[in-house]
C-alpha atoms as a PDB file:
ATOM      1  CA  MET A   1      42.761  60.696  61.005  1.00  0.00           C
ATOM      2  CA  LYS A   2      41.849  63.632  58.622  1.00  0.00           C
ATOM      3  CA  ILE A   3      39.458  63.254  55.613  1.00  0.00           C
ATOM      4  CA  LYS A   4      39.701  65.629  52.738  1.00  0.00           C
ATOM      5  CA  ILE A   5      37.036  65.679  50.090  1.00  0.00           C
ATOM      6  CA  SER A   6      38.012  66.598  46.597  1.00  0.00           C
ATOM      7  CA  ARG A   7      35.973  69.251  44.567  1.00  0.00           C
ATOM      8  CA  HIS A   8      35.127  66.347  42.133  1.00  0.00           C
ATOM      9  CA  ALA A   9      33.907  64.200  45.035  1.00  0.00           C
ATOM     10  CA  LYS A  10      31.820  67.154  46.404  1.00  0.00           C
ATOM     11  CA  ARG A  11      30.152  67.628  43.091  1.00  0.00           C
ATOM     12  CA  ARG A  12      29.522  63.787  42.772  1.00  0.00           C
ATOM     13  CA  LEU A  13      27.947  63.622  46.151  1.00  0.00           C
ATOM     14  CA  LYS A  14      25.606  66.566  45.271  1.00  0.00           C
ATOM     15  CA  LEU A  15      24.739  65.218  41.786  1.00  0.00           C
ATOM     16  CA  TYR A  16      23.867  61.736  43.104  1.00  0.00           C
ATOM     17  CA  GLU A  17      22.254  62.995  46.218  1.00  0.00           C
ATOM     18  CA  LEU A  18      24.604  60.819  48.453  1.00  0.00           C
ATOM     19  CA  ASP A  19      24.890  61.394  52.152  1.00  0.00           C
ATOM     20  CA  GLU A  20      28.268  62.845  52.926  1.00  0.00           C
ATOM     21  CA  SER A  21      28.331  61.507  56.461  1.00  0.00           C
ATOM     22  CA  GLU A  22      27.481  58.082  55.340  1.00  0.00           C
ATOM     23  CA  VAL A  23      30.351  58.003  52.897  1.00  0.00           C
ATOM     24  CA  ILE A  24      32.708  59.293  55.403  1.00  0.00           C
ATOM     25  CA  ARG A  25      31.578  56.468  57.942  1.00  0.00           C
ATOM     26  CA  ILE A  26      32.187  53.905  55.299  1.00  0.00           C
ATOM     27  CA  ILE A  27      35.666  55.275  54.553  1.00  0.00           C
ATOM     28  CA  LYS A  28      36.405  55.285  58.209  1.00  0.00           C
ATOM     29  CA  SER A  29      35.502  51.669  58.910  1.00  0.00           C
ATOM     30  CA  ASN A  30      37.494  50.378  56.048  1.00  0.00           C
ATOM     31  CA  ALA A  31      40.342  52.718  55.816  1.00  0.00           C
ATOM     32  CA  GLU A  32      41.607  51.714  59.232  1.00  0.00           C
ATOM     33  CA  SER A  33      42.317  48.065  58.192  1.00  0.00           C
ATOM     34  CA  THR A  34      44.176  49.316  55.130  1.00  0.00           C
ATOM     35  CA  LYS A  35      47.908  49.329  55.263  1.00  0.00           C
ATOM     36  CA  ILE A  36      48.516  50.423  51.796  1.00  0.00           C
ATOM     37  CA  THR A  37      49.193  54.227  51.305  1.00  0.00           C
ATOM     38  CA  GLY A  38      49.649  56.328  48.395  1.00  0.00           C
ATOM     39  CA  GLU A  39      47.483  54.258  46.047  1.00  0.00           C
ATOM     40  CA  ARG A  40      44.066  54.449  45.124  1.00  0.00           C
ATOM     41  CA  GLN A  41      41.588  52.290  47.257  1.00  0.00           C
ATOM     42  CA  VAL A  42      38.373  51.269  46.048  1.00  0.00           C
ATOM     43  CA  ILE A  43      35.247  50.352  48.322  1.00  0.00           C
ATOM     44  CA  ILE A  44      32.258  48.732  46.949  1.00  0.00           C
ATOM     45  CA  LYS A  45      29.425  48.677  49.637  1.00  0.00           C
ATOM     46  CA  GLY A  46      26.134  47.530  48.379  1.00  0.00           C
ATOM     47  CA  ARG A  47      25.281  50.057  45.486  1.00  0.00           C
ATOM     48  CA  LEU A  48      27.891  52.464  46.340  1.00  0.00           C
ATOM     49  CA  LYS A  49      31.572  52.747  44.858  1.00  0.00           C
ATOM     50  CA  ILE A  50      34.023  54.943  46.934  1.00  0.00           C
ATOM     51  CA  VAL A  51      37.535  55.806  45.537  1.00  0.00           C
ATOM     52  CA  PHE A  52      40.188  57.377  47.944  1.00  0.00           C
ATOM     53  CA  ILE A  53      43.722  57.849  48.499  1.00  0.00           C
ATOM     54  CA  LYS A  54      45.335  57.225  51.959  1.00  0.00           C
ATOM     55  CA  GLU A  55      48.565  59.030  52.661  1.00  0.00           C
ATOM     56  CA  ASP A  56      49.902  58.662  56.403  1.00  0.00           C
ATOM     57  CA  ASP A  57      47.045  60.067  58.454  1.00  0.00           C
ATOM     58  CA  ILE A  58      45.181  62.037  55.555  1.00  0.00           C
ATOM     59  CA  ILE A  59      42.481  60.354  53.515  1.00  0.00           C
ATOM     60  CA  THR A  60      41.350  62.281  50.390  1.00  0.00           C
ATOM     61  CA  LEU A  61      38.027  61.153  48.683  1.00  0.00           C
ATOM     62  CA  ILE A  62      38.430  61.149  44.955  1.00  0.00           C
ATOM     63  CA  THR A  63      34.884  60.113  44.020  1.00  0.00           C
ATOM     64  CA  ALA A  64      31.743  58.283  45.134  1.00  0.00           C
ATOM     65  CA  TYR A  65      28.929  57.328  42.951  1.00  0.00           C
ATOM     66  CA  PRO A  66      26.147  54.671  42.846  1.00  0.00           C
ATOM     67  CA  LEU A  67      26.388  51.572  40.871  1.00  0.00           C
ATOM     68  CA  LYS A  68      23.604  50.446  38.651  1.00  0.00           C
ATOM     69  CA  LYS A  69      23.376  47.000  40.191  1.00  0.00           C
ATOM     70  CA  GLU A  70      24.231  45.874  43.691  1.00  0.00           C
ATOM     71  CA  ARG A  71      27.259  43.994  44.167  1.00  0.00           C
ATOM     72  CA  LYS A  72      27.782  41.306  46.781  1.00  0.00           C
ATOM     73  CA  SER A  73      30.792  42.506  48.733  1.00  0.00           C
END
């Protein structure tokens, strides 16, 4: 599985001082169970929201940012 990070996502990770390896770990753990391809997928993990697209064996991270309040997932 290959993970690509969009330019927008790189900027958001830097802006919000998010750990890229942590975001990738969350995506990998959740994307393997996802069968839907070609549509935007959203993961909310604690105070972090991650949006990505899965196409075949390539995952493209669109954006990631912290939420104001923690949501129970």
